[in-house]
Amino acid sequence: PADKLVELTAGDTPGRFGAPEEMCAAVGFLASEEAGYVTGIVL
């Protein structure tokens, strides 16, 4: 509900939820060869 969304985003640094597209770079990095030595993290 809209009133609950206002409450949920009021304390957030950006004041909004991220777009799904904004998650792509992180997923792309973790799936890339450059992250081949990165394991066991939650980003």
All heavy atoms as atom14 arrays in JSON, in Angstrom:
{
  "sequence": "PADKLVELTAGDTPGRFGAPEEMCAAVGFLASEEAGYVTGIVL",
  "atom14_mask": [
    [1, 1, 1, 1, 1, 1, 1, 0, 0, 0, 0, 0, 0, 0],
    [1, 1, 1, 1, 1, 0, 0, 0, 0, 0, 0, 0, 0, 0],
    [1, 1, 1, 1, 1, 1, 1, 1, 0, 0, 0, 0, 0, 0],
    [1, 1, 1, 1, 1, 1, 1, 1, 1, 0, 0, 0, 0, 0],
    [1, 1, 1, 1, 1, 1, 1, 1, 0, 0, 0, 0, 0, 0],
    [1, 1, 1, 1, 1, 1, 1, 0, 0, 0, 0, 0, 0, 0],
    [1, 1, 1, 1, 1, 1, 1, 1, 1, 0, 0, 0, 0, 0],
    [1, 1, 1, 1, 1, 1, 1, 1, 0, 0, 0, 0, 0, 0],
    [1, 1, 1, 1, 1, 1, 1, 0, 0, 0, 0, 0, 0, 0],
    [1, 1, 1, 1, 1, 0, 0, 0, 0, 0, 0, 0, 0, 0],
    [1, 1, 1, 1, 0, 0, 0, 0, 0, 0, 0, 0, 0, 0],
    [1, 1, 1, 1, 1, 1, 1, 1, 0, 0, 0, 0, 0, 0],
    [1, 1, 1, 1, 1, 1, 1, 0, 0, 0, 0, 0, 0, 0],
    [1, 1, 1, 1, 1, 1, 1, 0, 0, 0, 0, 0, 0, 0],
    [1, 1, 1, 1, 0, 0, 0, 0, 0, 0, 0, 0, 0, 0],
    [1, 1, 1, 1, 1, 1, 1, 1, 1, 1, 1, 0, 0, 0],
    [1, 1, 1, 1, 1, 1, 1, 1, 1, 1, 1, 0, 0, 0],
    [1, 1, 1, 1, 0, 0, 0, 0, 0, 0, 0, 0, 0, 0],
    [1, 1, 1, 1, 1, 0, 0, 0, 0, 0, 0, 0, 0, 0],
    [1, 1, 1, 1, 1, 1, 1, 0, 0, 0, 0, 0, 0, 0],
    [1, 1, 1, 1, 1, 1, 1, 1, 1, 0, 0, 0, 0, 0],
    [1, 1, 1, 1, 1, 1, 1, 1, 1, 0, 0, 0, 0, 0],
    [1, 1, 1, 1, 1, 1, 1, 1, 0, 0, 0, 0, 0, 0],
    [1, 1, 1, 1, 1, 1, 0, 0, 0, 0, 0, 0, 0, 0],
    [1, 1, 1, 1, 1, 0, 0, 0, 0, 0, 0, 0, 0, 0],
    [1, 1, 1, 1, 1, 0, 0, 0, 0, 0, 0, 0, 0, 0],
    [1, 1, 1, 1, 1, 1, 1, 0, 0, 0, 0, 0, 0, 0],
    [1, 1, 1, 1, 0, 0, 0, 0, 0, 0, 0, 0, 0, 0],
    [1, 1, 1, 1, 1, 1, 1, 1, 1, 1, 1, 0, 0, 0],
    [1, 1, 1, 1, 1, 1, 1, 1, 0, 0, 0, 0, 0, 0],
    [1, 1, 1, 1, 1, 0, 0, 0, 0, 0, 0, 0, 0, 0],
    [1, 1, 1, 1, 1, 1, 0, 0, 0, 0, 0, 0, 0, 0],
    [1, 1, 1, 1, 1, 1, 1, 1, 1, 0, 0, 0, 0, 0],
    [1, 1, 1, 1, 1, 1, 1, 1, 1, 0, 0, 0, 0, 0],
    [1, 1, 1, 1, 1, 0, 0, 0, 0, 0, 0, 0, 0, 0],
    [1, 1, 1, 1, 0, 0, 0, 0, 0, 0, 0, 0, 0, 0],
    [1, 1, 1, 1, 1, 1, 1, 1, 1, 1, 1, 1, 0, 0],
    [1, 1, 1, 1, 1, 1, 1, 0, 0, 0, 0, 0, 0, 0],
    [1, 1, 1, 1, 1, 1, 1, 0, 0, 0, 0, 0, 0, 0],
    [1, 1, 1, 1, 0, 0, 0, 0, 0, 0, 0, 0, 0, 0],
    [1, 1, 1, 1, 1, 1, 1, 1, 0, 0, 0, 0, 0, 0],
    [1, 1, 1, 1, 1, 1, 1, 0, 0, 0, 0, 0, 0, 0],
    [1, 1, 1, 1, 1, 1, 1, 1, 0, 0, 0, 0, 0, 0]
  ],
  "atom14_positions": [
    [[0.82, -1.22, 0.0], [0.0, 0.0, 0.0], [0.86, 1.28, 0.0], [1.96, 1.3, 0.58], [-0.8, -0.11, 1.29], [-0.79, -1.55, 1.64], [0.51, -2.1, 1.12], [0.0, 0.0, 0.0], [0.0, 0.0, 0.0], [0.0, 0.0, 0.0], [0.0, 0.0, 0.0], [0.0, 0.0, 0.0], [0.0, 0.0, 0.0], [0.0, 0.0, 0.0]],
    [[0.36, 2.31, -0.65], [1.11, 3.56, -0.82], [1.59, 4.15, 0.49], [2.73, 4.62, 0.59], [0.25, 4.57, -1.59], [0.0, 0.0, 0.0], [0.0, 0.0, 0.0], [0.0, 0.0, 0.0], [0.0, 0.0, 0.0], [0.0, 0.0, 0.0], [0.0, 0.0, 0.0], [0.0, 0.0, 0.0], [0.0, 0.0, 0.0], [0.0, 0.0, 0.0]],
    [[0.76, 4.15, 1.53], [1.18, 4.74, 2.81], [2.33, 3.95, 3.43], [3.22, 4.53, 4.04], [0.0, 4.86, 3.77], [-0.67, 3.52, 4.08], [-0.7, 2.63, 3.2], [-1.16, 3.37, 5.22], [0.0, 0.0, 0.0], [0.0, 0.0, 0.0], [0.0, 0.0, 0.0], [0.0, 0.0, 0.0], [0.0, 0.0, 0.0], [0.0, 0.0, 0.0]],
    [[2.35, 2.66, 3.25], [3.44, 1.84, 3.78], [4.72, 2.07, 2.97], [5.82, 2.09, 3.53], [3.04, 0.37, 3.76], [4.04, -0.54, 4.4], [4.15, -0.28, 5.88], [5.07, -1.31, 6.52], [5.3, -1.04, 7.93], [0.0, 0.0, 0.0], [0.0, 0.0, 0.0], [0.0, 0.0, 0.0], [0.0, 0.0, 0.0], [0.0, 0.0, 0.0]],
    [[4.59, 2.29, 1.65], [5.76, 2.58, 0.82], [6.44, 3.86, 1.26], [7.67, 3.94, 1.29], [5.36, 2.69, -0.65], [5.21, 1.39, -1.42], [4.7, 1.67, -2.83], [6.5, 0.61, -1.45], [0.0, 0.0, 0.0], [0.0, 0.0, 0.0], [0.0, 0.0, 0.0], [0.0, 0.0, 0.0], [0.0, 0.0, 0.0], [0.0, 0.0, 0.0]],
    [[5.65, 4.87, 1.6], [6.22, 6.13, 2.09], [7.04, 5.86, 3.35], [8.16, 6.35, 3.49], [5.1, 7.16, 2.36], [5.65, 8.37, 3.09], [4.44, 7.57, 1.06], [0.0, 0.0, 0.0], [0.0, 0.0, 0.0], [0.0, 0.0, 0.0], [0.0, 0.0, 0.0], [0.0, 0.0, 0.0], [0.0, 0.0, 0.0], [0.0, 0.0, 0.0]],
    [[6.5, 5.06, 4.23], [7.2, 4.72, 5.47], [8.49, 3.94, 5.18], [9.53, 4.2, 5.8], [6.26, 3.88, 6.34], [6.83, 3.47, 7.67], [5.86, 2.6, 8.45], [4.63, 2.84, 8.39], [6.33, 1.67, 9.13], [0.0, 0.0, 0.0], [0.0, 0.0, 0.0], [0.0, 0.0, 0.0], [0.0, 0.0, 0.0], [0.0, 0.0, 0.0]],
    [[8.43, 2.99, 4.25], [9.59, 2.17, 3.94], [10.72, 2.95, 3.28], [11.89, 2.65, 3.48], [9.19, 1.01, 3.02], [8.35, -0.09, 3.65], [7.86, -1.06, 2.59], [9.16, -0.83, 4.71], [0.0, 0.0, 0.0], [0.0, 0.0, 0.0], [0.0, 0.0, 0.0], [0.0, 0.0, 0.0], [0.0, 0.0, 0.0], [0.0, 0.0, 0.0]],
    [[10.4, 3.96, 2.49], [11.43, 4.72, 1.79], [11.85, 5.99, 2.52], [12.82, 6.62, 2.12], [10.97, 5.08, 0.36], [9.76, 5.83, 0.42], [10.77, 3.83, -0.48], [0.0, 0.0, 0.0], [0.0, 0.0, 0.0], [0.0, 0.0, 0.0], [0.0, 0.0, 0.0], [0.0, 0.0, 0.0], [0.0, 0.0, 0.0], [0.0, 0.0, 0.0]],
    [[11.17, 6.35, 3.57], [11.47, 7.6, 4.28], [12.89, 7.6, 4.84], [13.56, 8.62, 4.81], [10.45, 7.83, 5.39], [0.0, 0.0, 0.0], [0.0, 0.0, 0.0], [0.0, 0.0, 0.0], [0.0, 0.0, 0.0], [0.0, 0.0, 0.0], [0.0, 0.0, 0.0], [0.0, 0.0, 0.0], [0.0, 0.0, 0.0], [0.0, 0.0, 0.0]],
    [[13.38, 6.49, 5.34], [14.7, 6.46, 5.95], [15.79, 6.03, 5.0], [16.96, 6.06, 5.34], [0.0, 0.0, 0.0], [0.0, 0.0, 0.0], [0.0, 0.0, 0.0], [0.0, 0.0, 0.0], [0.0, 0.0, 0.0], [0.0, 0.0, 0.0], [0.0, 0.0, 0.0], [0.0, 0.0, 0.0], [0.0, 0.0, 0.0], [0.0, 0.0, 0.0]],
    [[15.44, 5.63, 3.81], [16.43, 5.16, 2.85], [17.32, 6.29, 2.38], [16.85, 7.41, 2.19], [15.76, 4.54, 1.62], [15.07, 3.22, 1.92], [15.17, 2.73, 3.05], [14.45, 2.69, 1.01], [0.0, 0.0, 0.0], [0.0, 0.0, 0.0], [0.0, 0.0, 0.0], [0.0, 0.0, 0.0], [0.0, 0.0, 0.0], [0.0, 0.0, 0.0]],
    [[18.57, 6.0, 2.16], [19.5, 7.01, 1.67], [19.01, 7.65, 0.37], [18.93, 8.86, 0.29], [20.9, 6.4, 1.49], [21.31, 5.88, 2.76], [21.9, 7.41, 1.01], [0.0, 0.0, 0.0], [0.0, 0.0, 0.0], [0.0, 0.0, 0.0], [0.0, 0.0, 0.0], [0.0, 0.0, 0.0], [0.0, 0.0, 0.0], [0.0, 0.0, 0.0]],
    [[18.64, 6.85, -0.66], [18.16, 7.49, -1.89], [16.68, 7.86, -1.85], [16.2, 8.56, -2.73], [18.42, 6.44, -2.97], [18.32, 5.15, -2.25], [18.84, 5.42, -0.86], [0.0, 0.0, 0.0], [0.0, 0.0, 0.0], [0.0, 0.0, 0.0], [0.0, 0.0, 0.0], [0.0, 0.0, 0.0], [0.0, 0.0, 0.0], [0.0, 0.0, 0.0]],
    [[15.94, 7.36, -0.86], [14.52, 7.67, -0.76], [13.66, 6.96, -1.79], [12.55, 7.39, -2.07], [0.0, 0.0, 0.0], [0.0, 0.0, 0.0], [0.0, 0.0, 0.0], [0.0, 0.0, 0.0], [0.0, 0.0, 0.0], [0.0, 0.0, 0.0], [0.0, 0.0, 0.0], [0.0, 0.0, 0.0], [0.0, 0.0, 0.0], [0.0, 0.0, 0.0]],
    [[14.17, 5.88, -2.37], [13.43, 5.13, -3.38], [13.98, 3.72, -3.46], [15.06, 3.44, -2.94], [13.56, 5.78, -4.75], [15.0, 5.78, -5.28], [15.11, 6.36, -6.68], [16.47, 6.4, -7.16], [17.1, 5.39, -7.76], [16.47, 4.23, -7.94], [18.34, 5.51, -8.19], [0.0, 0.0, 0.0], [0.0, 0.0, 0.0], [0.0, 0.0, 0.0]],
    [[13.25, 2.86, -4.11], [13.76, 1.53, -4.42], [14.53, 1.64, -5.73], [14.21, 2.45, -6.58], [12.6, 0.53, -4.58], [11.91, 0.23, -3.29], [10.75, 0.88, -2.93], [12.44, -0.71, -2.42], [10.11, 0.62, -1.74], [11.8, -1.0, -1.21], [10.64, -0.34, -0.88], [0.0, 0.0, 0.0], [0.0, 0.0, 0.0], [0.0, 0.0, 0.0]],
    [[15.54, 0.82, -5.89], [16.33, 0.84, -7.12], [15.58, 0.18, -8.27], [14.73, -0.68, -8.06], [0.0, 0.0, 0.0], [0.0, 0.0, 0.0], [0.0, 0.0, 0.0], [0.0, 0.0, 0.0], [0.0, 0.0, 0.0], [0.0, 0.0, 0.0], [0.0, 0.0, 0.0], [0.0, 0.0, 0.0], [0.0, 0.0, 0.0], [0.0, 0.0, 0.0]],
    [[15.91, 0.59, -9.47], [15.36, -0.06, -10.66], [16.06, -1.4, -10.84], [17.25, -1.53, -10.53], [15.59, 0.82, -11.89], [0.0, 0.0, 0.0], [0.0, 0.0, 0.0], [0.0, 0.0, 0.0], [0.0, 0.0, 0.0], [0.0, 0.0, 0.0], [0.0, 0.0, 0.0], [0.0, 0.0, 0.0], [0.0, 0.0, 0.0], [0.0, 0.0, 0.0]],
    [[15.34, -2.41, -11.31], [16.0, -3.71, -11.54], [17.26, -3.58, -12.4], [18.24, -4.28, -12.17], [14.91, -4.53, -12.24], [13.63, -3.95, -11.73], [13.91, -2.47, -11.59], [0.0, 0.0, 0.0], [0.0, 0.0, 0.0], [0.0, 0.0, 0.0], [0.0, 0.0, 0.0], [0.0, 0.0, 0.0], [0.0, 0.0, 0.0], [0.0, 0.0, 0.0]],
    [[17.24, -2.66, -13.35], [18.39, -2.46, -14.22], [19.63, -2.01, -13.44], [20.76, -2.22, -13.87], [18.08, -1.42, -15.31], [16.99, -1.83, -16.26], [15.57, -1.62, -15.7], [15.39, -0.91, -14.69], [14.63, -2.19, -16.29], [0.0, 0.0, 0.0], [0.0, 0.0, 0.0], [0.0, 0.0, 0.0], [0.0, 0.0, 0.0], [0.0, 0.0, 0.0]],
    [[19.41, -1.37, -12.29], [20.53, -0.91, -11.47], [21.25, -2.07, -10.77], [22.33, -1.88, -10.21], [20.06, 0.12, -10.45], [19.61, 1.41, -11.11], [19.07, 2.42, -10.12], [17.97, 2.2, -9.57], [19.77, 3.43, -9.89], [0.0, 0.0, 0.0], [0.0, 0.0, 0.0], [0.0, 0.0, 0.0], [0.0, 0.0, 0.0], [0.0, 0.0, 0.0]],
    [[20.69, -3.25, -10.8], [21.31, -4.42, -10.19], [22.24, -5.13, -11.18], [23.11, -5.91, -10.8], [20.24, -5.43, -9.73], [19.11, -4.84, -8.88], [19.68, -4.04, -7.38], [18.86, -2.46, -7.52], [0.0, 0.0, 0.0], [0.0, 0.0, 0.0], [0.0, 0.0, 0.0], [0.0, 0.0, 0.0], [0.0, 0.0, 0.0], [0.0, 0.0, 0.0]],
    [[22.08, -4.83, -12.45], [22.77, -5.57, -13.52], [24.29, -5.48, -13.44], [24.99, -6.47, -13.69], [22.3, -5.09, -14.89], [20.57, -5.49, -15.19], [0.0, 0.0, 0.0], [0.0, 0.0, 0.0], [0.0, 0.0, 0.0], [0.0, 0.0, 0.0], [0.0, 0.0, 0.0], [0.0, 0.0, 0.0], [0.0, 0.0, 0.0], [0.0, 0.0, 0.0]],
    [[24.84, -4.33, -13.15], [26.3, -4.18, -13.13], [26.92, -5.07, -12.05], [27.97, -5.69, -12.27], [26.69, -2.72, -12.91], [0.0, 0.0, 0.0], [0.0, 0.0, 0.0], [0.0, 0.0, 0.0], [0.0, 0.0, 0.0], [0.0, 0.0, 0.0], [0.0, 0.0, 0.0], [0.0, 0.0, 0.0], [0.0, 0.0, 0.0], [0.0, 0.0, 0.0]],
    [[26.28, -5.14, -10.89], [26.8, -5.99, -9.81], [26.74, -7.46, -10.2], [27.7, -8.21, -9.99], [26.01, -5.75, -8.52], [0.0, 0.0, 0.0], [0.0, 0.0, 0.0], [0.0, 0.0, 0.0], [0.0, 0.0, 0.0], [0.0, 0.0, 0.0], [0.0, 0.0, 0.0], [0.0, 0.0, 0.0], [0.0, 0.0, 0.0], [0.0, 0.0, 0.0]],
    [[25.63, -7.88, -10.77], [25.5, -9.27, -11.22], [26.52, -9.55, -12.32], [27.19, -10.6, -12.3], [24.06, -9.55, -11.71], [23.97, -10.93, -12.34], [23.07, -9.41, -10.56], [0.0, 0.0, 0.0], [0.0, 0.0, 0.0], [0.0, 0.0, 0.0], [0.0, 0.0, 0.0], [0.0, 0.0, 0.0], [0.0, 0.0, 0.0], [0.0, 0.0, 0.0]],
    [[26.66, -8.63, -13.25], [27.62, -8.8, -14.34], [29.04, -8.95, -13.82], [29.81, -9.8, -14.3], [0.0, 0.0, 0.0], [0.0, 0.0, 0.0], [0.0, 0.0, 0.0], [0.0, 0.0, 0.0], [0.0, 0.0, 0.0], [0.0, 0.0, 0.0], [0.0, 0.0, 0.0], [0.0, 0.0, 0.0], [0.0, 0.0, 0.0], [0.0, 0.0, 0.0]],
    [[29.4, -8.13, -12.84], [30.74, -8.24, -12.26], [30.94, -9.6, -11.59], [31.94, -10.28, -11.84], [31.01, -7.13, -11.25], [32.28, -7.37, -10.47], [33.52, -7.27, -11.09], [32.23, -7.72, -9.13], [34.69, -7.52, -10.38], [33.39, -7.97, -8.42], [34.63, -7.87, -9.04], [0.0, 0.0, 0.0], [0.0, 0.0, 0.0], [0.0, 0.0, 0.0]],
    [[30.0, -10.0, -10.75], [30.14, -11.26, -10.04], [30.17, -12.46, -10.98], [30.77, -13.5, -10.66], [29.04, -11.42, -8.99], [29.14, -10.47, -7.8], [27.93, -10.64, -6.89], [30.43, -10.67, -7.03], [0.0, 0.0, 0.0], [0.0, 0.0, 0.0], [0.0, 0.0, 0.0], [0.0, 0.0, 0.0], [0.0, 0.0, 0.0], [0.0, 0.0, 0.0]],
    [[29.56, -12.33, -12.15], [29.55, -13.42, -13.13], [30.76, -13.38, -14.07], [30.95, -14.3, -14.86], [28.26, -13.37, -13.94], [0.0, 0.0, 0.0], [0.0, 0.0, 0.0], [0.0, 0.0, 0.0], [0.0, 0.0, 0.0], [0.0, 0.0, 0.0], [0.0, 0.0, 0.0], [0.0, 0.0, 0.0], [0.0, 0.0, 0.0], [0.0, 0.0, 0.0]],
    [[31.55, -12.33, -13.97], [32.66, -12.15, -14.91], [33.93, -12.85, -14.44], [34.08, -13.23, -13.29], [32.95, -10.65, -15.09], [33.59, -10.14, -13.93], [0.0, 0.0, 0.0], [0.0, 0.0, 0.0], [0.0, 0.0, 0.0], [0.0, 0.0, 0.0], [0.0, 0.0, 0.0], [0.0, 0.0, 0.0], [0.0, 0.0, 0.0], [0.0, 0.0, 0.0]],
    [[34.87, -12.96, -15.38], [36.18, -13.52, -15.05], [36.93, -12.64, -14.07], [37.74, -13.14, -13.28], [37.0, -13.72, -16.33], [36.48, -14.86, -17.18], [37.38, -15.13, -18.38], [38.6, -14.85, -18.3], [36.85, -15.63, -19.38], [0.0, 0.0, 0.0], [0.0, 0.0, 0.0], [0.0, 0.0, 0.0], [0.0, 0.0, 0.0], [0.0, 0.0, 0.0]],
    [[36.67, -11.33, -14.1], [37.35, -10.41, -13.18], [37.03, -10.72, -11.72], [37.79, -10.39, -10.83], [36.98, -8.95, -13.49], [37.63, -8.42, -14.75], [36.86, -8.78, -16.01], [35.77, -9.36, -15.94], [37.39, -8.5, -17.09], [0.0, 0.0, 0.0], [0.0, 0.0, 0.0], [0.0, 0.0, 0.0], [0.0, 0.0, 0.0], [0.0, 0.0, 0.0]],
    [[35.91, -11.35, -11.46], [35.52, -11.71, -10.1], [35.85, -13.17, -9.8], [35.33, -13.75, -8.85], [34.03, -11.45, -9.9], [0.0, 0.0, 0.0], [0.0, 0.0, 0.0], [0.0, 0.0, 0.0], [0.0, 0.0, 0.0], [0.0, 0.0, 0.0], [0.0, 0.0, 0.0], [0.0, 0.0, 0.0], [0.0, 0.0, 0.0], [0.0, 0.0, 0.0]],
    [[36.72, -13.76, -10.6], [37.04, -15.17, -10.44], [37.62, -15.54, -9.1], [37.55, -16.7, -8.68], [0.0, 0.0, 0.0], [0.0, 0.0, 0.0], [0.0, 0.0, 0.0], [0.0, 0.0, 0.0], [0.0, 0.0, 0.0], [0.0, 0.0, 0.0], [0.0, 0.0, 0.0], [0.0, 0.0, 0.0], [0.0, 0.0, 0.0], [0.0, 0.0, 0.0]],
    [[38.21, -14.6, -8.39], [38.8, -14.87, -7.08], [37.91, -14.36, -5.94], [38.27, -14.43, -4.78], [40.19, -14.24, -7.01], [41.08, -14.83, -5.95], [41.5, -16.15, -6.03], [41.51, -14.08, -4.87], [42.32, -16.71, -5.06], [42.32, -14.62, -3.89], [42.73, -15.93, -3.99], [43.54, -16.48, -3.03], [0.0, 0.0, 0.0], [0.0, 0.0, 0.0]],
    [[36.74, -13.86, -6.27], [35.79, -13.37, -5.28], [34.79, -14.49, -5.0], [34.12, -14.97, -5.92], [35.04, -12.12, -5.79], [34.0, -11.66, -4.79], [36.01, -11.0, -6.12], [0.0, 0.0, 0.0], [0.0, 0.0, 0.0], [0.0, 0.0, 0.0], [0.0, 0.0, 0.0], [0.0, 0.0, 0.0], [0.0, 0.0, 0.0], [0.0, 0.0, 0.0]],
    [[34.69, -14.9, -3.76], [33.72, -15.95, -3.43], [33.24, -15.8, -2.0], [33.95, -15.27, -1.14], [34.29, -17.37, -3.68], [33.22, -18.32, -3.59], [35.37, -17.72, -2.7], [0.0, 0.0, 0.0], [0.0, 0.0, 0.0], [0.0, 0.0, 0.0], [0.0, 0.0, 0.0], [0.0, 0.0, 0.0], [0.0, 0.0, 0.0], [0.0, 0.0, 0.0]],
    [[32.02, -16.21, -1.77], [31.45, -16.2, -0.43], [30.94, -14.85, 0.04], [30.85, -14.61, 1.24], [0.0, 0.0, 0.0], [0.0, 0.0, 0.0], [0.0, 0.0, 0.0], [0.0, 0.0, 0.0], [0.0, 0.0, 0.0], [0.0, 0.0, 0.0], [0.0, 0.0, 0.0], [0.0, 0.0, 0.0], [0.0, 0.0, 0.0], [0.0, 0.0, 0.0]],
    [[30.6, -13.98, -0.87], [30.12, -12.65, -0.46], [28.65, -12.46, -0.8], [28.12, -13.08, -1.7], [30.94, -11.5, -1.09], [30.76, -11.46, -2.61], [32.4, -11.58, -0.72], [30.88, -10.09, -3.18], [0.0, 0.0, 0.0], [0.0, 0.0, 0.0], [0.0, 0.0, 0.0], [0.0, 0.0, 0.0], [0.0, 0.0, 0.0], [0.0, 0.0, 0.0]],
    [[28.03, -11.58, -0.05], [26.71, -11.05, -0.39], [26.93, -9.56, -0.59], [27.29, -8.84, 0.35], [25.68, -11.33, 0.73], [24.35, -10.69, 0.38], [25.53, -12.82, 0.97], [0.0, 0.0, 0.0], [0.0, 0.0, 0.0], [0.0, 0.0, 0.0], [0.0, 0.0, 0.0], [0.0, 0.0, 0.0], [0.0, 0.0, 0.0], [0.0, 0.0, 0.0]],
    [[26.75, -9.11, -1.8], [27.01, -7.72, -2.16], [25.73, -6.9, -2.07], [24.78, -7.14, -2.83], [27.56, -7.66, -3.6], [27.87, -6.29, -4.18], [28.94, -5.58, -3.37], [28.3, -6.43, -5.63], [0.0, 0.0, 0.0], [0.0, 0.0, 0.0], [0.0, 0.0, 0.0], [0.0, 0.0, 0.0], [0.0, 0.0, 0.0], [0.0, 0.0, 0.0]]
  ]
}
